[in-house]
PDB file of N, CA and C in Angstrom:
ATOM      1  N   UNK A   1      17.318  -3.516  -2.344  1.00  0.00           N
ATOM      2  CA  UNK A   1      15.730  -2.988  -3.001  1.00  0.00           C
ATOM      3  C   UNK A   1      15.470  -4.367  -3.579  1.00  0.00           C
ATOM      4  N   UNK A   2      16.610  -4.949  -4.244  1.00  0.00           N
ATOM      5  CA  UNK A   2      16.263  -6.626  -4.640  1.00  0.00           C
ATOM      6  C   UNK A   2      15.522  -7.559  -3.455  1.00  0.00           C
ATOM      7  N   UNK A   3      16.140  -7.649  -2.627  1.00  0.00           N
ATOM      8  CA  UNK A   3      16.180  -8.407  -1.399  1.00  0.00           C
ATOM      9  C   UNK A   3      14.874  -7.854  -0.721  1.00  0.00           C
ATOM     10  N   UNK A   4      14.331  -6.454  -0.678  1.00  0.00           N
ATOM     11  CA  UNK A   4      12.989  -6.446  -0.041  1.00  0.00           C
ATOM     12  C   UNK A   4      11.700  -6.825  -0.898  1.00  0.00           C
ATOM     13  N   UNK A   5      12.215  -6.811  -1.881  1.00  0.00           N
ATOM     14  CA  UNK A   5      11.085  -7.227  -3.520  1.00  0.00           C
ATOM     15  C   UNK A   5      11.255  -8.579  -3.288  1.00  0.00           C
ATOM     16  N   UNK A   6      12.541  -9.318  -2.828  1.00  0.00           N
ATOM     17  CA  UNK A   6      11.942 -10.616  -2.727  1.00  0.00           C
ATOM     18  C   UNK A   6      11.466 -11.251  -1.729  1.00  0.00           C
ATOM     19  N   UNK A   7      11.724 -10.700  -0.514  1.00  0.00           N
ATOM     20  CA  UNK A   7      10.742 -11.092   0.403  1.00  0.00           C
ATOM     21  C   UNK A   7       9.158 -10.735   0.542  1.00  0.00           C
ATOM     22  N   UNK A   8       9.116  -9.694   0.016  1.00  0.00           N
ATOM     23  CA  UNK A   8       7.308  -9.480  -0.458  1.00  0.00           C
ATOM     24  C   UNK A   8       7.150 -10.350  -1.607  1.00  0.00           C
ATOM     25  N   UNK A   9       7.603 -10.852  -2.431  1.00  0.00           N
ATOM     26  CA  UNK A   9       7.532 -11.954  -3.534  1.00  0.00           C
ATOM     27  C   UNK A   9       7.150 -12.935  -2.700  1.00  0.00           C
ATOM     28  N   UNK A  10       7.763 -13.342  -2.113  1.00  0.00           N
ATOM     29  CA  UNK A  10       8.017 -14.484  -0.933  1.00  0.00           C
ATOM     30  C   UNK A  10       6.779 -14.953  -0.461  1.00  0.00           C
ATOM     31  N   UNK A  11       6.348 -13.982   0.084  1.00  0.00           N
ATOM     32  CA  UNK A  11       4.860 -14.008   1.234  1.00  0.00           C
ATOM     33  C   UNK A  11       3.856 -13.958   0.175  1.00  0.00           C
ATOM     34  N   UNK A  12       3.801 -13.007  -0.830  1.00  0.00           N
ATOM     35  CA  UNK A  12       2.633 -12.928  -1.228  1.00  0.00           C
ATOM     36  C   UNK A  12       2.448 -13.847  -2.474  1.00  0.00           C
ATOM     37  N   UNK A  13       3.619 -15.130  -2.425  1.00  0.00           N
ATOM     38  CA  UNK A  13       3.662 -15.794  -3.406  1.00  0.00           C
ATOM     39  C   UNK A  13       2.847 -17.454  -2.442  1.00  0.00           C
ATOM     40  N   UNK A  14       3.426 -17.050  -0.894  1.00  0.00           N
ATOM     41  CA  UNK A  14       2.651 -18.377  -0.057  1.00  0.00           C
ATOM     42  C   UNK A  14       1.409 -18.227  -0.569  1.00  0.00           C
ATOM     43  N   UNK A  15       1.567 -16.786   0.443  1.00  0.00           N
ATOM     44  CA  UNK A  15      -0.115 -16.182   0.879  1.00  0.00           C
ATOM     45  C   UNK A  15      -1.083 -16.885  -0.182  1.00  0.00           C
ATOM     46  N   UNK A  16      -0.516 -16.527  -1.522  1.00  0.00           N
ATOM     47  CA  UNK A  16      -1.676 -16.607  -2.682  1.00  0.00           C
ATOM     48  C   UNK A  16      -1.794 -18.184  -3.351  1.00  0.00           C
ATOM     49  N   UNK A  17      -0.892 -18.570  -3.144  1.00  0.00           N
ATOM     50  CA  UNK A  17      -0.683 -20.296  -3.364  1.00  0.00           C
ATOM     51  C   UNK A  17      -1.548 -21.092  -2.361  1.00  0.00           C
ATOM     52  N   UNK A  18      -1.370 -20.601  -1.177  1.00  0.00           N
ATOM     53  CA  UNK A  18      -2.406 -21.291   0.313  1.00  0.00           C
ATOM     54  C   UNK A  18      -4.147 -20.994   0.212  1.00  0.00           C
ATOM     55  N   UNK A  19      -4.098 -19.595  -0.527  1.00  0.00           N
ATOM     56  CA  UNK A  19      -5.379 -19.254  -0.943  1.00  0.00           C
ATOM     57  C   UNK A  19      -5.884 -20.176  -1.977  1.00  0.00           C
ATOM     58  N   UNK A  20      -4.866 -20.035  -2.878  1.00  0.00           N
ATOM     59  CA  UNK A  20      -5.702 -20.758  -4.118  1.00  0.00           C
ATOM     60  C   UNK A  20      -6.143 -22.692  -3.978  1.00  0.00           C
ATOM     61  N   UNK A  21      -4.622 -22.938  -3.438  1.00  0.00           N
ATOM     62  CA  UNK A  21      -4.873 -24.174  -2.855  1.00  0.00           C
ATOM     63  C   UNK A  21      -6.531 -24.291  -2.038  1.00  0.00           C
ATOM     64  N   UNK A  22      -6.457 -23.993  -1.194  1.00  0.00           N
ATOM     65  CA  UNK A  22      -7.922 -23.782  -0.639  1.00  0.00           C
ATOM     66  C   UNK A  22      -9.214 -23.755  -1.001  1.00  0.00           C
ATOM     67  N   UNK A  23      -9.357 -22.663  -1.679  1.00  0.00           N
ATOM     68  CA  UNK A  23     -10.146 -22.423  -2.533  1.00  0.00           C
ATOM     69  C   UNK A  23     -10.491 -23.584  -3.422  1.00  0.00           C
ATOM     70  N   UNK A  24      -9.687 -23.785  -4.311  1.00  0.00           N
ATOM     71  CA  UNK A  24      -9.739 -24.895  -5.248  1.00  0.00           C
ATOM     72  C   UNK A  24      -9.879 -26.535  -4.475  1.00  0.00           C
ATOM     73  N   UNK A  25      -9.288 -26.489  -3.635  1.00  0.00           N
ATOM     74  CA  UNK A  25      -8.979 -27.996  -2.962  1.00  0.00           C
ATOM     75  C   UNK A  25      -9.618 -28.248  -1.589  1.00  0.00           C
ATOM     76  N   UNK A  26     -10.306 -29.247  -1.659  1.00  0.00           N
ATOM     77  CA  UNK A  26     -10.385 -29.077   0.157  1.00  0.00           C
ATOM     78  C   UNK A  26      -9.240 -29.490   1.416  1.00  0.00           C
ATOM     79  N   UNK A  27      -8.651 -30.263   1.064  1.00  0.00           N
ATOM     80  CA  UNK A  27      -7.406 -30.809   1.701  1.00  0.00           C
ATOM     81  C   UNK A  27      -6.396 -29.311   1.696  1.00  0.00           C
ATOM     82  N   UNK A  28      -5.248 -29.244   3.036  1.00  0.00           N
ATOM     83  CA  UNK A  28      -4.917 -28.538   3.242  1.00  0.00           C
ATOM     84  C   UNK A  28      -3.125 -28.537   2.513  1.00  0.00           C
ATOM     85  N   UNK A  29      -2.942 -27.808   2.173  1.00  0.00           N
ATOM     86  CA  UNK A  29      -1.558 -28.037   1.064  1.00  0.00           C
ATOM     87  C   UNK A  29       0.040 -28.151   2.384  1.00  0.00           C
ATOM     88  N   UNK A  30       0.413 -28.818   2.089  1.00  0.00           N
ATOM     89  CA  UNK A  30       1.582 -29.261   3.318  1.00  0.00           C
ATOM     90  C   UNK A  30       2.197 -27.431   3.037  1.00  0.00           C
ATOM     91  N   UNK A  31       2.896 -27.101   4.779  1.00  0.00           N
ATOM     92  CA  UNK A  31       3.812 -25.772   5.108  1.00  0.00           C
ATOM     93  C   UNK A  31       4.944 -26.300   3.827  1.00  0.00           C
ATOM     94  N   UNK A  32       5.810 -27.231   4.014  1.00  0.00           N
ATOM     95  CA  UNK A  32       6.938 -27.339   3.747  1.00  0.00           C
ATOM     96  C   UNK A  32       6.777 -27.266   1.527  1.00  0.00           C
ATOM     97  N   UNK A  33       5.746 -27.369   1.371  1.00  0.00           N
ATOM     98  CA  UNK A  33       5.703 -27.457   0.001  1.00  0.00           C
ATOM     99  C   UNK A  33       5.261 -26.087  -0.413  1.00  0.00           C
ATOM    100  N   UNK A  34       4.188 -25.103   0.492  1.00  0.00           N
ATOM    101  CA  UNK A  34       3.556 -23.915  -0.197  1.00  0.00           C
ATOM    102  C   UNK A  34       5.475 -23.009   0.075  1.00  0.00           C
ATOM    103  N   UNK A  35       5.918 -23.069   1.400  1.00  0.00           N
ATOM    104  CA  UNK A  35       7.077 -22.805   1.358  1.00  0.00           C
ATOM    105  C   UNK A  35       8.384 -22.803   0.332  1.00  0.00           C
ATOM    106  N   UNK A  36       8.925 -24.046  -0.277  1.00  0.00           N
ATOM    107  CA  UNK A  36       9.670 -24.508  -0.978  1.00  0.00           C
ATOM    108  C   UNK A  36       9.262 -23.825  -2.353  1.00  0.00           C
ATOM    109  N   UNK A  37       7.545 -24.251  -2.651  1.00  0.00           N
ATOM    110  CA  UNK A  37       7.220 -23.409  -4.007  1.00  0.00           C
ATOM    111  C   UNK A  37       7.849 -21.847  -4.403  1.00  0.00           C
ATOM    112  N   UNK A  38       7.333 -21.475  -3.080  1.00  0.00           N
ATOM    113  CA  UNK A  38       7.041 -19.723  -2.780  1.00  0.00           C
ATOM    114  C   UNK A  38       8.801 -19.659  -2.818  1.00  0.00           C
ATOM    115  N   UNK A  39       9.581 -19.958  -2.314  1.00  0.00           N
ATOM    116  CA  UNK A  39      11.060 -19.622  -1.822  1.00  0.00           C
ATOM    117  C   UNK A  39      10.970 -19.931  -3.433  1.00  0.00           C
ATOM    118  N   UNK A  40      11.216 -20.950  -4.098  1.00  0.00           N
ATOM    119  CA  UNK A  40      11.727 -21.442  -5.751  1.00  0.00           C
ATOM    120  C   UNK A  40      11.478 -20.501  -6.291  1.00  0.00           C
ATOM    121  N   UNK A  41       9.993 -20.040  -6.562  1.00  0.00           N
ATOM    122  CA  UNK A  41       9.744 -19.096  -7.463  1.00  0.00           C
ATOM    123  C   UNK A  41      10.303 -17.285  -7.064  1.00  0.00           C
ATOM    124  N   UNK A  42      10.257 -17.309  -5.716  1.00  0.00           N
ATOM    125  CA  UNK A  42      11.095 -16.303  -5.497  1.00  0.00           C
ATOM    126  C   UNK A  42      12.799 -15.856  -5.848  1.00  0.00           C
ATOM    127  N   UNK A  43      13.323 -17.119  -5.684  1.00  0.00           N
ATOM    128  CA  UNK A  43      14.539 -17.223  -6.376  1.00  0.00           C
ATOM    129  C   UNK A  43      14.483 -17.111  -8.126  1.00  0.00           C
ATOM    130  N   UNK A  44      13.539 -17.290  -8.835  1.00  0.00           N
ATOM    131  CA  UNK A  44      13.639 -17.765  -9.684  1.00  0.00           C
ATOM    132  C   UNK A  44      13.137 -15.703 -10.145  1.00  0.00           C
ATOM    133  N   UNK A  45      12.482 -15.621  -9.796  1.00  0.00           N
ATOM    134  CA  UNK A  45      11.838 -14.093  -9.907  1.00  0.00           C
ATOM    135  C   UNK A  45      12.848 -12.798  -9.597  1.00  0.00           C
ATOM    136  N   UNK A  46      14.163 -13.214  -8.378  1.00  0.00           N
ATOM    137  CA  UNK A  46      15.211 -12.434  -8.165  1.00  0.00           C
ATOM    138  C   UNK A  46      16.032 -12.678  -8.865  1.00  0.00           C
ATOM    139  N   UNK A  47      16.352 -13.936  -9.643  1.00  0.00           N
ATOM    140  CA  UNK A  47      17.400 -13.918 -10.601  1.00  0.00           C
ATOM    141  C   UNK A  47      17.484 -12.970 -11.743  1.00  0.00           C
ATOM    142  N   UNK A  48      15.811 -13.444 -12.514  1.00  0.00           N
ATOM    143  CA  UNK A  48      15.473 -12.959 -13.589  1.00  0.00           C
ATOM    144  C   UNK A  48      15.779 -11.265 -13.574  1.00  0.00           C
ATOM    145  N   UNK A  49      15.042 -10.284 -12.351  1.00  0.00           N
ATOM    146  CA  UNK A  49      15.073  -9.015 -12.252  1.00  0.00           C
ATOM    147  C   UNK A  49      16.113  -8.237 -12.514  1.00  0.00           C
ATOM    148  N   UNK A  50      17.146  -9.355 -11.365  1.00  0.00           N
ATOM    149  CA  UNK A  50      18.643  -8.793 -11.323  1.00  0.00           C
ATOM    150  C   UNK A  50      19.389  -8.814 -12.482  1.00  0.00           C
ATOM    151  N   UNK A  51      19.191  -9.921 -13.098  1.00  0.00           N
ATOM    152  CA  UNK A  51      19.821 -10.283 -14.393  1.00  0.00           C
ATOM    153  C   UNK A  51      19.799  -9.069 -15.677  1.00  0.00           C
ATOM    154  N   UNK A  52      18.381  -8.490 -15.411  1.00  0.00           N
ATOM    155  CA  UNK A  52      18.021  -8.261 -16.531  1.00  0.00           C
ATOM    156  C   UNK A  52      18.068  -6.431 -16.286  1.00  0.00           C
ATOM    157  N   UNK A  53      18.952  -6.373 -17.775  1.00  0.00           N
ATOM    158  CA  UNK A  53      19.565  -4.976 -17.764  1.00  0.00           C
ATOM    159  C   UNK A  53      18.918  -3.929 -17.577  1.00  0.00           C
ATOM    160  N   UNK A  54      17.150  -3.880 -17.952  1.00  0.00           N
ATOM    161  CA  UNK A  54      16.871  -2.563 -18.002  1.00  0.00           C
ATOM    162  C   UNK A  54      16.017  -2.672 -16.479  1.00  0.00           C
ATOM    163  N   UNK A  55      16.159  -3.379 -16.192  1.00  0.00           N
ATOM    164  CA  UNK A  55      15.087  -3.201 -14.806  1.00  0.00           C
ATOM    165  C   UNK A  55      16.485  -3.280 -13.663  1.00  0.00           C
ATOM    166  N   UNK A  56      17.931  -3.700 -13.763  1.00  0.00           N
ATOM    167  CA  UNK A  56      18.757  -2.985 -12.881  1.00  0.00           C
ATOM    168  C   UNK A  56      19.048  -1.665 -13.300  1.00  0.00           C
ATOM    169  N   UNK A  57      19.035  -1.262 -14.197  1.00  0.00           N
ATOM    170  CA  UNK A  57      19.349  -0.035 -14.731  1.00  0.00           C
ATOM    171  C   UNK A  57      18.531   1.118 -14.549  1.00  0.00           C
ATOM    172  N   UNK A  58      16.988   0.738 -13.872  1.00  0.00           N
ATOM    173  CA  UNK A  58      15.741   1.399 -13.696  1.00  0.00           C
ATOM    174  C   UNK A  58      15.497   1.337 -11.921  1.00  0.00           C
ATOM    175  N   UNK A  59      16.287   0.333 -11.609  1.00  0.00           N
ATOM    176  CA  UNK A  59      16.608   0.469 -10.079  1.00  0.00           C
ATOM    177  C   UNK A  59      17.922   1.299  -9.828  1.00  0.00           C
ATOM    178  N   UNK A  60      19.099   1.408 -10.454  1.00  0.00           N
ATOM    179  CA  UNK A  60      19.695   2.345 -10.052  1.00  0.00           C
ATOM    180  C   UNK A  60      19.465   3.646 -10.843  1.00  0.00           C
ATOM    181  N   UNK A  61      18.981   3.874 -11.420  1.00  0.00           N
ATOM    182  CA  UNK A  61      18.322   5.515 -11.788  1.00  0.00           C
ATOM    183  C   UNK A  61      17.351   5.733 -10.509  1.00  0.00           C
ATOM    184  N   UNK A  62      16.623   4.896 -10.013  1.00  0.00           N
ATOM    185  CA  UNK A  62      15.167   4.890  -9.124  1.00  0.00           C
ATOM    186  C   UNK A  62      16.864   5.869  -7.769  1.00  0.00           C
ATOM    187  N   UNK A  63      17.572   4.861  -7.307  1.00  0.00           N
ATOM    188  CA  UNK A  63      18.103   5.049  -6.214  1.00  0.00           C
ATOM    189  C   UNK A  63      18.724   6.759  -6.293  1.00  0.00           C
ATOM    190  N   UNK A  64      19.612   6.409  -7.622  1.00  0.00           N
ATOM    191  CA  UNK A  64      20.216   8.008  -7.859  1.00  0.00           C
ATOM    192  C   UNK A  64      19.228   9.315  -7.596  1.00  0.00           C
ATOM    193  N   UNK A  65      18.296   8.849  -8.025  1.00  0.00           N
ATOM    194  CA  UNK A  65      17.342   9.925  -7.825  1.00  0.00           C
ATOM    195  C   UNK A  65      16.506   9.944  -6.634  1.00  0.00           C
ATOM    196  N   UNK A  66      16.044   9.017  -5.538  1.00  0.00           N
ATOM    197  CA  UNK A  66      16.068   9.309  -4.163  1.00  0.00           C
ATOM    198  C   UNK A  66      17.305   9.953  -3.668  1.00  0.00           C
ATOM    199  N   UNK A  67      18.050   9.317  -4.085  1.00  0.00           N
ATOM    200  CA  UNK A  67      19.638  10.503  -2.996  1.00  0.00           C
ATOM    201  C   UNK A  67      19.485  12.147  -3.297  1.00  0.00           C
ATOM    202  N   UNK A  68      18.510  12.377  -4.467  1.00  0.00           N
ATOM    203  CA  UNK A  68      18.989  13.833  -4.653  1.00  0.00           C
ATOM    204  C   UNK A  68      18.117  14.304  -3.796  1.00  0.00           C
ATOM    205  N   UNK A  69      16.747  13.720  -3.377  1.00  0.00           N
ATOM    206  CA  UNK A  69      15.644  13.693  -3.001  1.00  0.00           C
ATOM    207  C   UNK A  69      15.758  14.848  -1.599  1.00  0.00           C
ATOM    208  N   UNK A  70      15.426  15.929  -1.305  1.00  0.00           N
ATOM    209  CA  UNK A  70      15.340  16.968   0.106  1.00  0.00           C
ATOM    210  C   UNK A  70      14.327  16.286   0.755  1.00  0.00           C
ATOM    211  N   UNK A  71      14.439  16.015   2.040  1.00  0.00           N
ATOM    212  CA  UNK A  71      13.090  15.297   3.230  1.00  0.00           C
ATOM    213  C   UNK A  71      12.704  16.561   3.575  1.00  0.00           C
ATOM    214  N   UNK A  72      11.853  17.030   4.396  1.00  0.00           N
ATOM    215  CA  UNK A  72      11.245  17.961   5.101  1.00  0.00           C
ATOM    216  C   UNK A  72      12.211  17.753   6.247  1.00  0.00           C
ATOM    217  N   UNK A  73      12.682  18.367   7.091  1.00  0.00           N
ATOM    218  CA  UNK A  73      12.912  18.561   8.694  1.00  0.00           C
ATOM    219  C   UNK A  73      11.558  18.465   9.331  1.00  0.00           C
ATOM    220  N   UNK A  74      12.312  17.991  10.648  1.00  0.00           N
ATOM    221  CA  UNK A  74      11.086  17.576  11.834  1.00  0.00           C
ATOM    222  C   UNK A  74      10.140  18.759  11.995  1.00  0.00           C
ATOM    223  N   UNK A  75      10.713  20.108  11.631  1.00  0.00           N
ATOM    224  CA  UNK A  75       9.260  21.462  12.309  1.00  0.00           C
ATOM    225  C   UNK A  75       9.059  21.263  10.953  1.00  0.00           C
ATOM    226  N   UNK A  76       9.254  21.280   9.869  1.00  0.00           N
ATOM    227  CA  UNK A  76       8.674  21.433   8.671  1.00  0.00           C
ATOM    228  C   UNK A  76       7.202  20.713   8.591  1.00  0.00           C
ATOM    229  N   UNK A  77       7.597  19.122   8.755  1.00  0.00           N
ATOM    230  CA  UNK A  77       6.857  18.012   8.659  1.00  0.00           C
ATOM    231  C   UNK A  77       5.503  18.007  10.049  1.00  0.00           C
ATOM    232  N   UNK A  78       5.797  18.999  11.445  1.00  0.00           N
ATOM    233  CA  UNK A  78       5.269  19.534  11.967  1.00  0.00           C
ATOM    234  C   UNK A  78       3.977  20.342  12.356  1.00  0.00           C
ATOM    235  N   UNK A  79       4.765  21.614  11.167  1.00  0.00           N
ATOM    236  CA  UNK A  79       3.998  22.485  10.940  1.00  0.00           C
ATOM    237  C   UNK A  79       2.873  21.499   9.716  1.00  0.00           C
ATOM    238  N   UNK A  80       3.255  21.264   8.747  1.00  0.00           N
ATOM    239  CA  UNK A  80       2.123  20.683   7.534  1.00  0.00           C
ATOM    240  C   UNK A  80       1.256  19.741   8.620  1.00  0.00           C
ATOM    241  N   UNK A  81       1.925  19.080   9.584  1.00  0.00           N
ATOM    242  CA  UNK A  81       0.686  18.062  10.511  1.00  0.00           C
ATOM    243  C   UNK A  81      -0.140  18.823  10.748  1.00  0.00           C
ATOM    244  N   UNK A  82       0.109  20.151  11.304  1.00  0.00           N
ATOM    245  CA  UNK A  82      -0.768  20.764  12.064  1.00  0.00           C
ATOM    246  C   UNK A  82      -1.751  21.330  11.490  1.00  0.00           C
ATOM    247  N   UNK A  83      -1.316  22.639  10.207  1.00  0.00           N
ATOM    248  CA  UNK A  83      -2.197  22.805   9.044  1.00  0.00           C
ATOM    249  C   UNK A  83      -3.305  21.667   8.656  1.00  0.00           C
ATOM    250  N   UNK A  84      -3.180  20.342   8.452  1.00  0.00           N
ATOM    251  CA  UNK A  84      -3.863  19.349   7.476  1.00  0.00           C
ATOM    252  C   UNK A  84      -4.861  19.186   8.931  1.00  0.00           C
ATOM    253  N   UNK A  85      -4.293  18.673  10.216  1.00  0.00           N
ATOM    254  CA  UNK A  85      -5.625  18.270  11.489  1.00  0.00           C
ATOM    255  C   UNK A  85      -6.297  19.437  11.503  1.00  0.00           C
ATOM    256  N   UNK A  86      -5.810  20.784  11.524  1.00  0.00           N
ATOM    257  CA  UNK A  86      -6.756  22.261  11.342  1.00  0.00           C
ATOM    258  C   UNK A  86      -7.718  22.448  10.473  1.00  0.00           C
ATOM    259  N   UNK A  87      -7.186  21.951   9.105  1.00  0.00           N
ATOM    260  CA  UNK A  87      -8.449  22.001   7.783  1.00  0.00           C
ATOM    261  C   UNK A  87      -8.865  20.978   7.907  1.00  0.00           C
ATOM    262  N   UNK A  88      -8.818  19.997   8.339  1.00  0.00           N
ATOM    263  CA  UNK A  88      -9.955  19.013   8.285  1.00  0.00           C
ATOM    264  C   UNK A  88     -10.820  19.130   9.663  1.00  0.00           C
ATOM    265  N   UNK A  89     -10.068  19.625  10.510  1.00  0.00           N
ATOM    266  CA  UNK A  89     -11.947  20.547  11.463  1.00  0.00           C
ATOM    267  C   UNK A  89     -12.356  21.285  10.708  1.00  0.00           C
ATOM    268  N   UNK A  90     -11.799  22.581  10.284  1.00  0.00           N
ATOM    269  CA  UNK A  90     -12.322  23.183   9.468  1.00  0.00           C
ATOM    270  C   UNK A  90     -13.540  22.802   8.527  1.00  0.00           C
ATOM    271  N   UNK A  91     -12.875  22.035   7.776  1.00  0.00           N
ATOM    272  CA  UNK A  91     -13.918  21.057   6.818  1.00  0.00           C
ATOM    273  C   UNK A  91     -14.789  20.602   7.368  1.00  0.00           C
ATOM    274  N   UNK A  92     -14.604  19.773   8.184  1.00  0.00           N
ATOM    275  CA  UNK A  92     -15.830  19.013   8.896  1.00  0.00           C
ATOM    276  C   UNK A  92     -16.822  19.715   9.643  1.00  0.00           C
ATOM    277  N   UNK A  93     -16.661  21.052   9.810  1.00  0.00           N
ATOM    278  CA  UNK A  93     -17.321  21.936  10.773  1.00  0.00           C
ATOM    279  C   UNK A  93     -18.423  22.864   9.479  1.00  0.00           C
ATOM    280  N   UNK A  94     -17.589  22.723   8.945  1.00  0.00           N
ATOM    281  CA  UNK A  94     -18.467  23.484   7.139  1.00  0.00           C
ATOM    282  C   UNK A  94     -19.561  22.456   6.882  1.00  0.00           C
ATOM    283  N   UNK A  95     -19.302  21.162   6.506  1.00  0.00           N
ATOM    284  CA  UNK A  95     -19.789  20.142   6.300  1.00  0.00           C
ATOM    285  C   UNK A  95     -20.785  19.580   7.025  1.00  0.00           C
ATOM    286  N   UNK A  96     -20.302  20.021   8.018  1.00  0.00           N
ATOM    287  CA  UNK A  96     -21.306  19.543   9.402  1.00  0.00           C
ATOM    288  C   UNK A  96     -22.579  20.413   9.362  1.00  0.00           C
ATOM    289  N   UNK A  97     -22.421  21.871   8.950  1.00  0.00           N
ATOM    290  CA  UNK A  97     -23.097  22.650   8.919  1.00  0.00           C
ATOM    291  C   UNK A  97     -24.032  22.724   7.749  1.00  0.00           C
ATOM    292  N   UNK A  98     -23.722  22.507   6.373  1.00  0.00           N
ATOM    293  CA  UNK A  98     -24.881  22.351   5.546  1.00  0.00           C
ATOM    294  C   UNK A  98     -25.301  21.100   5.890  1.00  0.00           C
ATOM    295  N   UNK A  99     -25.196  20.054   6.538  1.00  0.00           N
ATOM    296  CA  UNK A  99     -25.758  18.840   6.513  1.00  0.00           C
ATOM    297  C   UNK A  99     -26.483  19.501   7.102  1.00  0.00           C
ATOM    298  N   UNK A 100     -26.730  20.130   8.303  1.00  0.00           N
ATOM    299  CA  UNK A 100     -27.801  20.543   9.473  1.00  0.00           C
ATOM    300  C   UNK A 100     -28.399  21.211   8.582  1.00  0.00           C
ATOM    301  N   UNK A 101     -28.530  22.221   7.573  1.00  0.00           N
ATOM    302  CA  UNK A 101     -29.041  23.259   7.095  1.00  0.00           C
ATOM    303  C   UNK A 101     -30.196  22.260   6.123  1.00  0.00           C
ATOM    304  N   UNK A 102     -29.217  21.398   5.343  1.00  0.00           N
ATOM    305  CA  UNK A 102     -30.146  20.166   4.405  1.00  0.00           C
ATOM    306  C   UNK A 102     -31.125  19.718   4.858  1.00  0.00           C
ATOM    307  N   UNK A 103     -30.276  18.781   5.930  1.00  0.00           N
ATOM    308  CA  UNK A 103     -31.445  18.234   7.062  1.00  0.00           C
ATOM    309  C   UNK A 103     -32.941  18.987   7.185  1.00  0.00           C
ATOM    310  N   UNK A 104     -32.517  20.275   7.766  1.00  0.00           N
ATOM    311  CA  UNK A 104     -33.764  20.880   8.421  1.00  0.00           C
ATOM    312  C   UNK A 104     -34.322  21.705   7.356  1.00  0.00           C
ATOM    313  N   UNK A 105     -33.784  21.609   5.743  1.00  0.00           N
ATOM    314  CA  UNK A 105     -34.913  22.093   4.887  1.00  0.00           C
ATOM    315  C   UNK A 105     -35.683  20.638   4.500  1.00  0.00           C
ATOM    316  N   UNK A 106     -34.956  20.301   4.165  1.00  0.00           N
ATOM    317  CA  UNK A 106     -35.374  18.603   4.013  1.00  0.00           C
ATOM    318  C   UNK A 106     -36.529  18.239   4.650  1.00  0.00           C
ATOM    319  N   UNK A 107     -36.464  18.285   5.851  1.00  0.00           N
ATOM    320  CA  UNK A 107     -37.408  18.149   6.939  1.00  0.00           C
ATOM    321  C   UNK A 107     -38.571  19.195   7.237  1.00  0.00           C
ATOM    322  N   UNK A 108     -38.470  20.585   6.695  1.00  0.00           N
ATOM    323  CA  UNK A 108     -39.451  21.404   6.521  1.00  0.00           C
ATOM    324  C   UNK A 108     -39.896  21.330   5.359  1.00  0.00           C
ATOM    325  N   UNK A 109     -39.783  20.749   4.119  1.00  0.00           N
ATOM    326  CA  UNK A 109     -40.623  20.490   2.805  1.00  0.00           C
ATOM    327  C   UNK A 109     -41.242  19.913   2.777  1.00  0.00           C
ATOM    328  N   UNK A 110     -40.666  18.682   3.121  1.00  0.00           N
ATOM    329  CA  UNK A 110     -41.234  17.074   3.264  1.00  0.00           C
ATOM    330  C   UNK A 110     -41.894  16.488   4.647  1.00  0.00           C
ATOM    331  N   UNK A 111     -41.645  17.559   5.441  1.00  0.00           N
ATOM    332  CA  UNK A 111     -42.606  17.548   6.748  1.00  0.00           C
ATOM    333  C   UNK A 111     -42.635  16.133   7.670  1.00  0.00           C
ATOM    334  N   UNK A 112     -41.317  16.082   8.336  1.00  0.00           N
ATOM    335  CA  UNK A 112     -41.245  15.077   8.802  1.00  0.00           C
ATOM    336  C   UNK A 112     -41.485  14.977  10.089  1.00  0.00           C
TER     337      UNK A 112
END
């Protein structure tokens, strides 16, 4: 989890630095410089969060709670997906009908 967070932090930091540098300065920043600074920020962030007892405890609690989760089976997921698709189609038909009625009513009143 920490490694995934570090990878995300690295790329977000690197892209943000490149964007900010380009926004406030006309010259392009060096690739090595942005990579090094983003790597340093990521390393510091990784060490600080890993050594913080509150964050480490929270991460362990989240991991233990995720182990208790019962995920739906493929059959349940398929059934729920079919229900969502059917309800979306029904809702679209109802809204389309209401739109048709209101547009005809508006055209009748205002004379289009």
